[in-house]
Amino acid sequence: AVFNNGYIEQVGAPYDIYNRSESEFVCDFIGDINRL
């Protein structure tokens, strides 16, 4: 469960959290990322 300011942004298996991030926060917080 990825927490952000008292909310849960996403719940899922590690593979889904990393490869199928559901929000900009989760995408940016998990792993190393590029902004295009």
PDB file of all heavy atoms in Angstrom:
ATOM      1  N   ALA A   1       0.871  -1.175   0.000  1.00  0.00           N
ATOM      2  CA  ALA A   1       0.000   0.000   0.000  1.00  0.00           C
ATOM      3  C   ALA A   1       0.909   1.226   0.000  1.00  0.00           C
ATOM      4  O   ALA A   1       1.743   1.385   0.900  1.00  0.00           O
ATOM      5  CB  ALA A   1      -0.911   0.016   1.220  1.00  0.00           C
ATOM      6  N   VAL A   2       0.775   2.070  -1.015  1.00  0.00           N
ATOM      7  CA  VAL A   2       1.598   3.285  -1.102  1.00  0.00           C
ATOM      8  C   VAL A   2       0.824   4.438  -0.476  1.00  0.00           C
ATOM      9  O   VAL A   2      -0.252   4.808  -0.950  1.00  0.00           O
ATOM     10  CB  VAL A   2       1.951   3.620  -2.569  1.00  0.00           C
ATOM     11  CG1 VAL A   2       2.862   4.851  -2.612  1.00  0.00           C
ATOM     12  CG2 VAL A   2       2.638   2.433  -3.239  1.00  0.00           C
ATOM     13  N   PHE A   3       1.393   4.978   0.609  1.00  0.00           N
ATOM     14  CA  PHE A   3       0.755   6.065   1.362  1.00  0.00           C
ATOM     15  C   PHE A   3       1.260   7.426   0.893  1.00  0.00           C
ATOM     16  O   PHE A   3       2.436   7.584   0.544  1.00  0.00           O
ATOM     17  CB  PHE A   3       1.066   5.940   2.859  1.00  0.00           C
ATOM     18  CG  PHE A   3       0.221   4.952   3.602  1.00  0.00           C
ATOM     19  CD1 PHE A   3       0.393   3.587   3.423  1.00  0.00           C
ATOM     20  CD2 PHE A   3      -0.750   5.377   4.499  1.00  0.00           C
ATOM     21  CE1 PHE A   3      -0.368   2.668   4.124  1.00  0.00           C
ATOM     22  CE2 PHE A   3      -1.530   4.465   5.197  1.00  0.00           C
ATOM     23  CZ  PHE A   3      -1.340   3.106   5.008  1.00  0.00           C
ATOM     24  N   ASN A   4       0.364   8.422   0.939  1.00  0.00           N
ATOM     25  CA  ASN A   4       0.733   9.795   0.625  1.00  0.00           C
ATOM     26  C   ASN A   4      -0.197  10.733   1.382  1.00  0.00           C
ATOM     27  O   ASN A   4      -1.407  10.738   1.134  1.00  0.00           O
ATOM     28  CB  ASN A   4       0.625  10.049  -0.880  1.00  0.00           C
ATOM     29  CG  ASN A   4       0.979  11.471  -1.261  1.00  0.00           C
ATOM     30  OD1 ASN A   4       1.764  12.145  -0.594  1.00  0.00           O
ATOM     31  ND2 ASN A   4       0.389  11.960  -2.342  1.00  0.00           N
ATOM     32  N   ASN A   5       0.340  11.462   2.342  1.00  0.00           N
ATOM     33  CA  ASN A   5      -0.444  12.453   3.100  1.00  0.00           C
ATOM     34  C   ASN A   5      -1.726  11.886   3.694  1.00  0.00           C
ATOM     35  O   ASN A   5      -2.801  12.491   3.606  1.00  0.00           O
ATOM     36  CB  ASN A   5      -0.785  13.659   2.213  1.00  0.00           C
ATOM     37  CG  ASN A   5       0.428  14.507   1.887  1.00  0.00           C
ATOM     38  OD1 ASN A   5       1.346  14.613   2.698  1.00  0.00           O
ATOM     39  ND2 ASN A   5       0.453  15.082   0.711  1.00  0.00           N
ATOM     40  N   GLY A   6      -1.621  10.710   4.312  1.00  0.00           N
ATOM     41  CA  GLY A   6      -2.759  10.136   5.007  1.00  0.00           C
ATOM     42  C   GLY A   6      -3.707   9.331   4.148  1.00  0.00           C
ATOM     43  O   GLY A   6      -4.670   8.756   4.652  1.00  0.00           O
ATOM     44  N   TYR A   7      -3.449   9.299   2.849  1.00  0.00           N
ATOM     45  CA  TYR A   7      -4.257   8.506   1.923  1.00  0.00           C
ATOM     46  C   TYR A   7      -3.441   7.339   1.378  1.00  0.00           C
ATOM     47  O   TYR A   7      -2.209   7.395   1.334  1.00  0.00           O
ATOM     48  CB  TYR A   7      -4.703   9.347   0.718  1.00  0.00           C
ATOM     49  CG  TYR A   7      -5.747  10.388   1.005  1.00  0.00           C
ATOM     50  CD1 TYR A   7      -5.404  11.734   1.111  1.00  0.00           C
ATOM     51  CD2 TYR A   7      -7.089  10.035   1.135  1.00  0.00           C
ATOM     52  CE1 TYR A   7      -6.364  12.707   1.348  1.00  0.00           C
ATOM     53  CE2 TYR A   7      -8.060  11.005   1.369  1.00  0.00           C
ATOM     54  CZ  TYR A   7      -7.693  12.345   1.480  1.00  0.00           C
ATOM     55  OH  TYR A   7      -8.646  13.295   1.719  1.00  0.00           O
ATOM     56  N   ILE A   8      -4.133   6.313   0.917  1.00  0.00           N
ATOM     57  CA  ILE A   8      -3.475   5.257   0.147  1.00  0.00           C
ATOM     58  C   ILE A   8      -3.689   5.562  -1.327  1.00  0.00           C
ATOM     59  O   ILE A   8      -4.816   5.641  -1.800  1.00  0.00           O
ATOM     60  CB  ILE A   8      -4.026   3.866   0.506  1.00  0.00           C
ATOM     61  CG1 ILE A   8      -3.575   3.475   1.924  1.00  0.00           C
ATOM     62  CG2 ILE A   8      -3.545   2.820  -0.498  1.00  0.00           C
ATOM     63  CD1 ILE A   8      -4.055   2.109   2.365  1.00  0.00           C
ATOM     64  N   GLU A   9      -2.587   5.749  -2.041  1.00  0.00           N
ATOM     65  CA  GLU A   9      -2.649   6.061  -3.469  1.00  0.00           C
ATOM     66  C   GLU A   9      -2.910   4.807  -4.306  1.00  0.00           C
ATOM     67  O   GLU A   9      -3.603   4.872  -5.324  1.00  0.00           O
ATOM     68  CB  GLU A   9      -1.324   6.694  -3.917  1.00  0.00           C
ATOM     69  CG  GLU A   9      -1.040   8.054  -3.321  1.00  0.00           C
ATOM     70  CD  GLU A   9      -1.490   9.182  -4.232  1.00  0.00           C
ATOM     71  OE1 GLU A   9      -1.792   8.924  -5.412  1.00  0.00           O
ATOM     72  OE2 GLU A   9      -1.542  10.334  -3.749  1.00  0.00           O
ATOM     73  N   GLN A  10      -2.320   3.675  -3.888  1.00  0.00           N
ATOM     74  CA  GLN A  10      -2.483   2.442  -4.655  1.00  0.00           C
ATOM     75  C   GLN A  10      -2.166   1.248  -3.782  1.00  0.00           C
ATOM     76  O   GLN A  10      -1.273   1.294  -2.933  1.00  0.00           O
ATOM     77  CB  GLN A  10      -1.564   2.445  -5.885  1.00  0.00           C
ATOM     78  CG  GLN A  10      -1.742   1.241  -6.806  1.00  0.00           C
ATOM     79  CD  GLN A  10      -0.901   1.337  -8.076  1.00  0.00           C
ATOM     80  OE1 GLN A  10      -0.295   2.366  -8.363  1.00  0.00           O
ATOM     81  NE2 GLN A  10      -0.858   0.260  -8.839  1.00  0.00           N
ATOM     82  N   VAL A  11      -2.903   0.158  -3.982  1.00  0.00           N
ATOM     83  CA  VAL A  11      -2.611  -1.132  -3.342  1.00  0.00           C
ATOM     84  C   VAL A  11      -2.439  -2.154  -4.448  1.00  0.00           C
ATOM     85  O   VAL A  11      -3.252  -2.236  -5.370  1.00  0.00           O
ATOM     86  CB  VAL A  11      -3.762  -1.575  -2.410  1.00  0.00           C
ATOM     87  CG1 VAL A  11      -3.471  -2.954  -1.823  1.00  0.00           C
ATOM     88  CG2 VAL A  11      -3.979  -0.561  -1.292  1.00  0.00           C
ATOM     89  N   GLY A  12      -1.363  -2.948  -4.351  1.00  0.00           N
ATOM     90  CA  GLY A  12      -1.164  -3.966  -5.374  1.00  0.00           C
ATOM     91  C   GLY A  12       0.086  -4.768  -5.158  1.00  0.00           C
ATOM     92  O   GLY A  12       0.881  -4.490  -4.249  1.00  0.00           O
ATOM     93  N   ALA A  13       0.279  -5.775  -5.993  1.00  0.00           N
ATOM     94  CA  ALA A  13       1.499  -6.572  -5.976  1.00  0.00           C
ATOM     95  C   ALA A  13       2.667  -5.692  -6.424  1.00  0.00           C
ATOM     96  O   ALA A  13       2.460  -4.716  -7.160  1.00  0.00           O
ATOM     97  CB  ALA A  13       1.354  -7.768  -6.905  1.00  0.00           C
ATOM     98  N   PRO A  14       3.894  -6.011  -5.998  1.00  0.00           N
ATOM     99  CA  PRO A  14       5.054  -5.199  -6.401  1.00  0.00           C
ATOM    100  C   PRO A  14       5.134  -4.968  -7.910  1.00  0.00           C
ATOM    101  O   PRO A  14       5.419  -3.849  -8.356  1.00  0.00           O
ATOM    102  CB  PRO A  14       6.242  -6.021  -5.888  1.00  0.00           C
ATOM    103  CG  PRO A  14       5.700  -6.725  -4.692  1.00  0.00           C
ATOM    104  CD  PRO A  14       4.282  -7.068  -5.041  1.00  0.00           C
ATOM    105  N   TYR A  15       4.854  -6.007  -8.703  1.00  0.00           N
ATOM    106  CA  TYR A  15       4.921  -5.873 -10.166  1.00  0.00           C
ATOM    107  C   TYR A  15       3.958  -4.796 -10.658  1.00  0.00           C
ATOM    108  O   TYR A  15       4.315  -3.961 -11.506  1.00  0.00           O
ATOM    109  CB  TYR A  15       4.588  -7.219 -10.816  1.00  0.00           C
ATOM    110  CG  TYR A  15       4.615  -7.174 -12.332  1.00  0.00           C
ATOM    111  CD1 TYR A  15       5.784  -7.460 -13.034  1.00  0.00           C
ATOM    112  CD2 TYR A  15       3.468  -6.827 -13.062  1.00  0.00           C
ATOM    113  CE1 TYR A  15       5.815  -7.401 -14.426  1.00  0.00           C
ATOM    114  CE2 TYR A  15       3.493  -6.766 -14.438  1.00  0.00           C
ATOM    115  CZ  TYR A  15       4.668  -7.061 -15.120  1.00  0.00           C
ATOM    116  OH  TYR A  15       4.699  -6.987 -16.488  1.00  0.00           O
ATOM    117  N   ASP A  16       2.746  -4.800 -10.124  1.00  0.00           N
ATOM    118  CA  ASP A  16       1.739  -3.836 -10.571  1.00  0.00           C
ATOM    119  C   ASP A  16       2.048  -2.426 -10.081  1.00  0.00           C
ATOM    120  O   ASP A  16       1.841  -1.450 -10.812  1.00  0.00           O
ATOM    121  CB  ASP A  16       0.349  -4.264 -10.096  1.00  0.00           C
ATOM    122  CG  ASP A  16      -0.103  -5.557 -10.759  1.00  0.00           C
ATOM    123  OD1 ASP A  16       0.195  -5.730 -11.948  1.00  0.00           O
ATOM    124  OD2 ASP A  16      -0.728  -6.392 -10.087  1.00  0.00           O
ATOM    125  N   ILE A  17       2.518  -2.319  -8.853  1.00  0.00           N
ATOM    126  CA  ILE A  17       2.883  -1.004  -8.317  1.00  0.00           C
ATOM    127  C   ILE A  17       3.965  -0.374  -9.187  1.00  0.00           C
ATOM    128  O   ILE A  17       3.918   0.822  -9.507  1.00  0.00           O
ATOM    129  CB  ILE A  17       3.385  -1.126  -6.859  1.00  0.00           C
ATOM    130  CG1 ILE A  17       2.261  -1.585  -5.919  1.00  0.00           C
ATOM    131  CG2 ILE A  17       4.006   0.188  -6.380  1.00  0.00           C
ATOM    132  CD1 ILE A  17       1.207  -0.551  -5.642  1.00  0.00           C
ATOM    133  N   TYR A  18       4.924  -1.170  -9.608  1.00  0.00           N
ATOM    134  CA  TYR A  18       6.063  -0.657 -10.379  1.00  0.00           C
ATOM    135  C   TYR A  18       5.707  -0.433 -11.848  1.00  0.00           C
ATOM    136  O   TYR A  18       6.027   0.607 -12.424  1.00  0.00           O
ATOM    137  CB  TYR A  18       7.233  -1.648 -10.292  1.00  0.00           C
ATOM    138  CG  TYR A  18       8.530  -1.123 -10.871  1.00  0.00           C
ATOM    139  CD1 TYR A  18       9.375  -0.309 -10.116  1.00  0.00           C
ATOM    140  CD2 TYR A  18       8.926  -1.447 -12.167  1.00  0.00           C
ATOM    141  CE1 TYR A  18      10.559   0.179 -10.638  1.00  0.00           C
ATOM    142  CE2 TYR A  18      10.103  -0.968 -12.703  1.00  0.00           C
ATOM    143  CZ  TYR A  18      10.916  -0.156 -11.933  1.00  0.00           C
ATOM    144  OH  TYR A  18      12.091   0.326 -12.455  1.00  0.00           O
ATOM    145  N   ASN A  19       5.037  -1.383 -12.449  1.00  0.00           N
ATOM    146  CA  ASN A  19       4.788  -1.333 -13.892  1.00  0.00           C
ATOM    147  C   ASN A  19       3.444  -0.735 -14.279  1.00  0.00           C
ATOM    148  O   ASN A  19       3.263  -0.322 -15.422  1.00  0.00           O
ATOM    149  CB  ASN A  19       4.875  -2.744 -14.481  1.00  0.00           C
ATOM    150  CG  ASN A  19       6.276  -3.321 -14.386  1.00  0.00           C
ATOM    151  OD1 ASN A  19       7.193  -2.861 -15.057  1.00  0.00           O
ATOM    152  ND2 ASN A  19       6.446  -4.320 -13.539  1.00  0.00           N
ATOM    153  N   ARG A  20       2.506  -0.710 -13.346  1.00  0.00           N
ATOM    154  CA  ARG A  20       1.173  -0.186 -13.641  1.00  0.00           C
ATOM    155  C   ARG A  20       0.764   0.824 -12.571  1.00  0.00           C
ATOM    156  O   ARG A  20      -0.297   0.701 -11.956  1.00  0.00           O
ATOM    157  CB  ARG A  20       0.153  -1.327 -13.714  1.00  0.00           C
ATOM    158  CG  ARG A  20       0.469  -2.327 -14.827  1.00  0.00           C
ATOM    159  CD  ARG A  20      -0.432  -3.527 -14.780  1.00  0.00           C
ATOM    160  NE  ARG A  20      -0.045  -4.520 -15.773  1.00  0.00           N
ATOM    161  CZ  ARG A  20      -0.143  -5.829 -15.609  1.00  0.00           C
ATOM    162  NH1 ARG A  20      -0.621  -6.325 -14.473  1.00  0.00           N
ATOM    163  NH2 ARG A  20       0.223  -6.664 -16.566  1.00  0.00           N
ATOM    164  N   SER A  21       1.628   1.778 -12.350  1.00  0.00           N
ATOM    165  CA  SER A  21       1.345   2.821 -11.357  1.00  0.00           C
ATOM    166  C   SER A  21       0.048   3.535 -11.708  1.00  0.00           C
ATOM    167  O   SER A  21      -0.218   3.838 -12.877  1.00  0.00           O
ATOM    168  CB  SER A  21       2.494   3.832 -11.317  1.00  0.00           C
ATOM    169  OG  SER A  21       3.717   3.187 -11.019  1.00  0.00           O
ATOM    170  N   GLU A  22      -0.763   3.809 -10.687  1.00  0.00           N
ATOM    171  CA  GLU A  22      -2.091   4.388 -10.923  1.00  0.00           C
ATOM    172  C   GLU A  22      -2.140   5.895 -10.714  1.00  0.00           C
ATOM    173  O   GLU A  22      -3.168   6.518 -10.956  1.00  0.00           O
ATOM    174  CB  GLU A  22      -3.116   3.709 -10.011  1.00  0.00           C
ATOM    175  CG  GLU A  22      -3.357   2.244 -10.372  1.00  0.00           C
ATOM    176  CD  GLU A  22      -4.349   1.566  -9.448  1.00  0.00           C
ATOM    177  OE1 GLU A  22      -4.819   2.219  -8.485  1.00  0.00           O
ATOM    178  OE2 GLU A  22      -4.647   0.370  -9.676  1.00  0.00           O
ATOM    179  N   SER A  23      -1.039   6.469 -10.235  1.00  0.00           N
ATOM    180  CA  SER A  23      -1.023   7.923 -10.034  1.00  0.00           C
ATOM    181  C   SER A  23       0.383   8.447 -10.254  1.00  0.00           C
ATOM    182  O   SER A  23       1.360   7.699 -10.226  1.00  0.00           O
ATOM    183  CB  SER A  23      -1.488   8.283  -8.617  1.00  0.00           C
ATOM    184  OG  SER A  23      -0.510   7.908  -7.660  1.00  0.00           O
ATOM    185  N   GLU A  24       0.466   9.743 -10.475  1.00  0.00           N
ATOM    186  CA  GLU A  24       1.765  10.380 -10.676  1.00  0.00           C
ATOM    187  C   GLU A  24       2.651  10.211  -9.446  1.00  0.00           C
ATOM    188  O   GLU A  24       3.855   9.988  -9.558  1.00  0.00           O
ATOM    189  CB  GLU A  24       1.567  11.864 -11.000  1.00  0.00           C
ATOM    190  CG  GLU A  24       2.853  12.605 -11.307  1.00  0.00           C
ATOM    191  CD  GLU A  24       2.604  14.023 -11.792  1.00  0.00           C
ATOM    192  OE1 GLU A  24       1.618  14.256 -12.508  1.00  0.00           O
ATOM    193  OE2 GLU A  24       3.418  14.909 -11.443  1.00  0.00           O
ATOM    194  N   PHE A  25       2.045  10.286  -8.257  1.00  0.00           N
ATOM    195  CA  PHE A  25       2.830  10.145  -7.032  1.00  0.00           C
ATOM    196  C   PHE A  25       3.480   8.761  -6.953  1.00  0.00           C
ATOM    197  O   PHE A  25       4.665   8.635  -6.672  1.00  0.00           O
ATOM    198  CB  PHE A  25       1.948  10.363  -5.794  1.00  0.00           C
ATOM    199  CG  PHE A  25       2.686  10.121  -4.502  1.00  0.00           C
ATOM    200  CD1 PHE A  25       3.473  11.106  -3.940  1.00  0.00           C
ATOM    201  CD2 PHE A  25       2.612   8.888  -3.869  1.00  0.00           C
ATOM    202  CE1 PHE A  25       4.180  10.879  -2.763  1.00  0.00           C
ATOM    203  CE2 PHE A  25       3.304   8.644  -2.700  1.00  0.00           C
ATOM    204  CZ  PHE A  25       4.099   9.649  -2.144  1.00  0.00           C
ATOM    205  N   VAL A  26       2.690   7.706  -7.192  1.00  0.00           N
ATOM    206  CA  VAL A  26       3.222   6.339  -7.120  1.00  0.00           C
ATOM    207  C   VAL A  26       4.307   6.142  -8.169  1.00  0.00           C
ATOM    208  O   VAL A  26       5.388   5.611  -7.886  1.00  0.00           O
ATOM    209  CB  VAL A  26       2.100   5.297  -7.334  1.00  0.00           C
ATOM    210  CG1 VAL A  26       2.674   3.892  -7.406  1.00  0.00           C
ATOM    211  CG2 VAL A  26       1.088   5.389  -6.199  1.00  0.00           C
ATOM    212  N   CYS A  27       4.035   6.586  -9.372  1.00  0.00           N
ATOM    213  CA  CYS A  27       4.989   6.464 -10.472  1.00  0.00           C
ATOM    214  C   CYS A  27       6.316   7.138 -10.130  1.00  0.00           C
ATOM    215  O   CYS A  27       7.391   6.581 -10.354  1.00  0.00           O
ATOM    216  CB  CYS A  27       4.375   7.106 -11.713  1.00  0.00           C
ATOM    217  SG  CYS A  27       5.428   7.116 -13.146  1.00  0.00           S
ATOM    218  N   ASP A  28       6.245   8.321  -9.547  1.00  0.00           N
ATOM    219  CA  ASP A  28       7.439   9.112  -9.246  1.00  0.00           C
ATOM    220  C   ASP A  28       8.157   8.604  -8.005  1.00  0.00           C
ATOM    221  O   ASP A  28       9.386   8.690  -7.900  1.00  0.00           O
ATOM    222  CB  ASP A  28       7.028  10.579  -9.053  1.00  0.00           C
ATOM    223  CG  ASP A  28       8.198  11.530  -9.236  1.00  0.00           C
ATOM    224  OD1 ASP A  28       9.194  11.127  -9.852  1.00  0.00           O
ATOM    225  OD2 ASP A  28       8.111  12.674  -8.761  1.00  0.00           O
ATOM    226  N   PHE A  29       7.398   8.045  -7.044  1.00  0.00           N
ATOM    227  CA  PHE A  29       7.997   7.608  -5.775  1.00  0.00           C
ATOM    228  C   PHE A  29       8.703   6.260  -5.905  1.00  0.00           C
ATOM    229  O   PHE A  29       9.712   6.009  -5.260  1.00  0.00           O
ATOM    230  CB  PHE A  29       6.919   7.523  -4.689  1.00  0.00           C
ATOM    231  CG  PHE A  29       7.472   7.205  -3.324  1.00  0.00           C
ATOM    232  CD1 PHE A  29       8.146   8.175  -2.596  1.00  0.00           C
ATOM    233  CD2 PHE A  29       7.337   5.943  -2.776  1.00  0.00           C
ATOM    234  CE1 PHE A  29       8.677   7.888  -1.340  1.00  0.00           C
ATOM    235  CE2 PHE A  29       7.856   5.640  -1.527  1.00  0.00           C
ATOM    236  CZ  PHE A  29       8.523   6.624  -0.808  1.00  0.00           C
ATOM    237  N   ILE A  30       8.164   5.377  -6.746  1.00  0.00           N
ATOM    238  CA  ILE A  30       8.714   4.031  -6.881  1.00  0.00           C
ATOM    239  C   ILE A  30       9.772   4.001  -7.974  1.00  0.00           C
ATOM    240  O   ILE A  30       9.490   4.240  -9.143  1.00  0.00           O
ATOM    241  CB  ILE A  30       7.603   3.014  -7.240  1.00  0.00           C
ATOM    242  CG1 ILE A  30       6.511   3.013  -6.185  1.00  0.00           C
ATOM    243  CG2 ILE A  30       8.172   1.620  -7.425  1.00  0.00           C
ATOM    244  CD1 ILE A  30       6.894   2.383  -4.886  1.00  0.00           C
ATOM    245  N   GLY A  31      10.998   3.692  -7.606  1.00  0.00           N
ATOM    246  CA  GLY A  31      12.049   3.519  -8.595  1.00  0.00           C
ATOM    247  C   GLY A  31      12.563   4.826  -9.168  1.00  0.00           C
ATOM    248  O   GLY A  31      12.185   5.922  -8.747  1.00  0.00           O
ATOM    249  N   ASP A  32      13.440   4.711 -10.167  1.00  0.00           N
ATOM    250  CA  ASP A  32      14.054   5.862 -10.820  1.00  0.00           C
ATOM    251  C   ASP A  32      13.269   6.160 -12.089  1.00  0.00           C
ATOM    252  O   ASP A  32      13.024   5.271 -12.898  1.00  0.00           O
ATOM    253  CB  ASP A  32      15.522   5.531 -11.148  1.00  0.00           C
ATOM    254  CG  ASP A  32      16.370   6.785 -11.248  1.00  0.00           C
ATOM    255  OD1 ASP A  32      15.805   7.898 -11.216  1.00  0.00           O
ATOM    256  OD2 ASP A  32      17.602   6.656 -11.379  1.00  0.00           O
ATOM    257  N   ILE A  33      12.895   7.418 -12.280  1.00  0.00           N
ATOM    258  CA  ILE A  33      11.939   7.759 -13.337  1.00  0.00           C
ATOM    259  C   ILE A  33      12.428   8.953 -14.150  1.00  0.00           C
ATOM    260  O   ILE A  33      13.164   9.800 -13.647  1.00  0.00           O
ATOM    261  CB  ILE A  33      10.550   8.065 -12.714  1.00  0.00           C
ATOM    262  CG1 ILE A  33       9.436   7.882 -13.742  1.00  0.00           C
ATOM    263  CG2 ILE A  33      10.508   9.431 -12.086  1.00  0.00           C
ATOM    264  CD1 ILE A  33       8.976   6.467 -13.864  1.00  0.00           C
ATOM    265  N   ASN A  34      12.046   8.990 -15.412  1.00  0.00           N
ATOM    266  CA  ASN A  34      12.258  10.160 -16.263  1.00  0.00           C
ATOM    267  C   ASN A  34      10.937  10.876 -16.477  1.00  0.00           C
ATOM    268  O   ASN A  34       9.884  10.236 -16.635  1.00  0.00           O
ATOM    269  CB  ASN A  34      12.778   9.735 -17.644  1.00  0.00           C
ATOM    270  CG  ASN A  34      14.238   9.364 -17.622  1.00  0.00           C
ATOM    271  OD1 ASN A  34      15.100  10.173 -17.296  1.00  0.00           O
ATOM    272  ND2 ASN A  34      14.527   8.115 -17.977  1.00  0.00           N
ATOM    273  N   ARG A  35      10.993  12.186 -16.508  1.00  0.00           N
ATOM    274  CA  ARG A  35       9.840  12.997 -16.885  1.00  0.00           C
ATOM    275  C   ARG A  35      10.053  13.470 -18.318  1.00  0.00           C
ATOM    276  O   ARG A  35      11.058  14.118 -18.609  1.00  0.00           O
ATOM    277  CB  ARG A  35       9.702  14.207 -15.952  1.00  0.00           C
ATOM    278  CG  ARG A  35       9.312  13.840 -14.528  1.00  0.00           C
ATOM    279  CD  ARG A  35       9.408  15.047 -13.594  1.00  0.00           C
ATOM    280  NE  ARG A  35       8.904  14.709 -12.278  1.00  0.00           N
ATOM    281  CZ  ARG A  35       7.697  15.026 -11.831  1.00  0.00           C
ATOM    282  NH1 ARG A  35       6.868  15.705 -12.614  1.00  0.00           N
ATOM    283  NH2 ARG A  35       7.300  14.674 -10.629  1.00  0.00           N
ATOM    284  N   LEU A  36       9.121  13.134 -19.190  1.00  0.00           N
ATOM    285  CA  LEU A  36       9.198  13.534 -20.590  1.00  0.00           C
ATOM    286  C   LEU A  36       8.262  14.718 -20.823  1.00  0.00           C
ATOM    287  O   LEU A  36       7.066  14.631 -20.564  1.00  0.00           O
ATOM    288  CB  LEU A  36       8.810  12.366 -21.505  1.00  0.00           C
ATOM    289  CG  LEU A  36       9.587  11.058 -21.306  1.00  0.00           C
ATOM    290  CD1 LEU A  36       9.078   9.995 -22.268  1.00  0.00           C
ATOM    291  CD2 LEU A  36      11.086  11.277 -21.486  1.00  0.00           C
TER     292      LEU A  36
END
